[in-house]
Every structure is written in C-alpha cells, then in structure tokens.
Amino acid sequence: MQYVIDCSFSSALYLPDEESGDARNFFINLKEDDQVFVPILWWYETVNVLNISTKRKRLNRNHISIVINLLNKMNLITDFEYGAQFAEELFDLTQLYHVTSYDAAYLELAHRKRAKLMSLDEDLISAAKAIGIK
C-alpha cells in the first residue's frame, strides 16, 4: 500500500499534547512493503513545528535530536518532484477546494502516487475526499 502523510499526522507522534492513537497505530502497523511518501515541503514544515515547539517549551533540544533521528529511521520516501509542471495543478487545487498551496502539495502527491492520505487536518481530509483520495 502507498501512503502520503502530512505534517499534522506525523507531529502527533512526538508532540506531547497532540498525541494521536491513529498516527501511532498507523506506524506500528505498517507492513514491510508499504511505502510512505512525503513532499519535500514536509521536511520544512516538520522543522518549523520542532522550532516552534522549542520556543514554546513543549520540547527541548535533546528531544529534537531524538525526533529527527526517529523520523530518519522511518524510511519515508521524499518526493523531490516540483516546479512549473505542478504549479498549475497546485493552483487549481487551491481554488477548487479552498486549501493552501501547502495542503495542495499533499493532495497532488497522493493523487499522483494513487496513495492514501494520512492527515489530522479536517480541511485537507475534506478536500481529499472530494477528489476521491482515500
């Protein structure tokens, strides 16, 4: 099975006040042949979450190193495809489904990979359903 995860979903693994049994169970139950994709944007969003979490004293620097090490061990497949060939589709997704361009990147990747989208963001989940993404 192929999956795309967004930052809200993966952040629920390590943010103490945003714990999600769904996210935890998803990663525990992954099979060896499952593939988990993230757009390159995911890394920037994740580092931003970690940065804000340290500023708000939700995590300390030691926690950050542990989280980054764990994320690295998860064998996420970073999708590096970007550029003008995707810009029009991303724009159309933002207009049709009233999502940010960041959320549109997850929708586009899930659609292109024919993958299930894993998110805790209700607006993104609604847009995915409207497009036919599981």
Protein backbone atom coordinates (compact mmCIF):
# COMPACT_ATOMS: atom_id res chain seq x y z
CA MET A 1 0.00 0.00 0.00
CA GLN A 2 1.15 3.55 -0.65
CA TYR A 3 0.55 6.43 1.74
CA VAL A 4 1.21 10.14 1.91
CA ILE A 5 1.46 11.66 5.38
CA ASP A 6 1.18 15.32 6.20
CA CYS A 7 2.89 17.19 9.00
CA SER A 8 -0.17 17.21 11.26
CA PHE A 9 -0.25 13.42 11.17
CA SER A 10 3.44 12.84 11.86
CA SER A 11 3.64 15.59 14.51
CA ALA A 12 1.05 13.72 16.56
CA LEU A 13 3.74 11.09 17.14
CA TYR A 14 6.03 13.34 19.13
CA LEU A 15 4.16 16.39 20.38
CA PRO A 16 3.15 15.60 23.96
CA ASP A 17 -0.21 17.39 23.86
CA GLU A 18 -1.22 16.28 20.36
CA GLU A 19 -0.92 12.53 20.76
CA SER A 20 -2.94 10.50 18.30
CA GLY A 21 -3.66 6.82 18.62
CA ASP A 22 -4.46 6.78 14.90
CA ALA A 23 -1.00 8.05 13.98
CA ARG A 24 0.76 5.73 16.41
CA ASN A 25 -1.23 2.70 15.21
CA PHE A 26 -0.61 3.61 11.59
CA PHE A 27 3.16 3.50 12.03
CA ILE A 28 3.09 0.42 14.24
CA ASN A 29 1.01 -1.49 11.68
CA LEU A 30 2.97 -0.56 8.55
CA LYS A 31 3.95 -3.57 6.53
CA GLU A 32 7.40 -4.07 5.07
CA ASP A 33 6.21 -3.45 1.51
CA ASP A 34 4.19 -0.32 2.38
CA GLN A 35 5.59 2.96 1.09
CA VAL A 36 5.17 6.25 2.92
CA PHE A 37 5.72 9.38 0.83
CA VAL A 38 6.18 12.98 1.90
CA PRO A 39 6.65 16.01 -0.33
CA ILE A 40 9.90 17.86 0.27
CA LEU A 41 7.72 20.54 1.88
CA TRP A 42 7.02 18.10 4.74
CA TRP A 43 10.60 18.40 5.98
CA TYR A 44 10.36 22.20 6.16
CA GLU A 45 7.02 22.03 7.93
CA THR A 46 8.36 19.44 10.37
CA VAL A 47 11.43 21.51 11.25
CA ASN A 48 9.15 24.51 11.73
CA VAL A 49 6.95 22.52 14.13
CA LEU A 50 10.07 21.47 16.04
CA ASN A 51 11.34 25.05 16.11
CA ILE A 52 8.06 26.44 17.44
CA SER A 53 7.83 23.58 19.93
CA THR A 54 11.18 24.53 21.45
CA LYS A 55 10.23 28.21 21.60
CA ARG A 56 7.03 27.28 23.42
CA LYS A 57 8.97 24.87 25.67
CA ARG A 58 6.93 21.88 24.53
CA LEU A 59 10.18 20.11 23.55
CA ASN A 60 13.83 20.73 24.40
CA ARG A 61 16.91 20.46 22.17
CA ASN A 62 17.57 16.88 23.28
CA HIS A 63 14.01 15.91 22.27
CA ILE A 64 14.56 17.48 18.84
CA SER A 65 17.59 15.28 18.17
CA ILE A 66 15.62 12.20 19.20
CA VAL A 67 12.65 13.14 16.99
CA ILE A 68 14.83 13.82 13.94
CA ASN A 69 16.67 10.54 14.47
CA LEU A 70 13.37 8.63 14.73
CA LEU A 71 11.96 10.33 11.63
CA ASN A 72 15.12 9.42 9.75
CA LYS A 73 14.68 5.75 10.71
CA MET A 74 11.09 5.67 9.41
CA ASN A 75 12.21 5.18 5.79
CA LEU A 76 9.99 7.95 4.49
CA ILE A 77 10.26 8.48 0.75
CA THR A 78 10.76 12.14 0.00
CA ASP A 79 9.23 13.21 -3.30
CA PHE A 80 11.51 15.75 -4.96
CA GLU A 81 9.32 16.44 -7.97
CA TYR A 82 8.35 20.08 -8.16
CA GLY A 83 8.40 23.04 -10.47
CA ALA A 84 6.35 24.61 -13.18
CA GLN A 85 4.81 21.32 -14.30
CA PHE A 86 2.98 21.14 -10.94
CA ALA A 87 2.22 24.82 -10.41
CA GLU A 88 -0.99 24.94 -12.42
CA GLU A 89 -2.39 21.80 -10.81
CA LEU A 90 -1.49 23.10 -7.34
CA PHE A 91 -3.16 26.41 -8.11
CA ASP A 92 -6.30 24.65 -9.39
CA LEU A 93 -6.46 22.54 -6.22
CA THR A 94 -6.21 25.65 -4.04
CA GLN A 95 -9.05 27.30 -5.94
CA LEU A 96 -11.35 24.31 -6.21
CA TYR A 97 -11.00 23.03 -2.65
CA HIS A 98 -10.11 26.23 -0.75
CA VAL A 99 -6.88 24.81 0.65
CA THR A 100 -3.45 26.36 0.98
CA SER A 101 -0.79 25.64 -1.59
CA TYR A 102 0.97 23.64 1.13
CA ASP A 103 -2.06 21.39 1.55
CA ALA A 104 -2.41 21.17 -2.23
CA ALA A 105 1.10 19.68 -2.35
CA TYR A 106 -0.10 16.75 -0.23
CA LEU A 107 -3.23 16.33 -2.36
CA GLU A 108 -1.25 16.39 -5.59
CA LEU A 109 1.28 13.85 -4.30
CA ALA A 110 -1.40 11.48 -3.00
CA HIS A 111 -3.27 11.75 -6.30
CA ARG A 112 -0.14 11.22 -8.41
CA LYS A 113 1.03 8.23 -6.33
CA ARG A 114 -2.51 6.84 -6.01
CA ALA A 115 -1.86 6.77 -2.30
CA LYS A 116 -3.98 7.09 0.81
CA LEU A 117 -3.59 10.44 2.53
CA MET A 118 -2.96 10.36 6.27
CA SER A 119 -3.80 13.66 7.97
CA LEU A 120 -5.41 15.11 11.07
CA ASP A 121 -6.31 18.34 9.23
CA GLU A 122 -10.08 18.33 8.67
CA ASP A 123 -9.96 20.75 5.72
CA LEU A 124 -7.34 18.64 3.98
CA ILE A 125 -9.28 15.46 4.68
CA SER A 126 -12.45 17.00 3.22
CA ALA A 127 -10.62 18.12 0.08
CA ALA A 128 -9.06 14.67 -0.31
CA LYS A 129 -12.47 13.02 -0.07
CA ALA A 130 -13.89 15.44 -2.65
CA ILE A 131 -11.12 14.45 -5.08
CA GLY A 132 -11.58 10.75 -4.40
CA ILE A 133 -8.39 10.26 -2.38
CA LYS A 134 -8.83 7.80 0.48
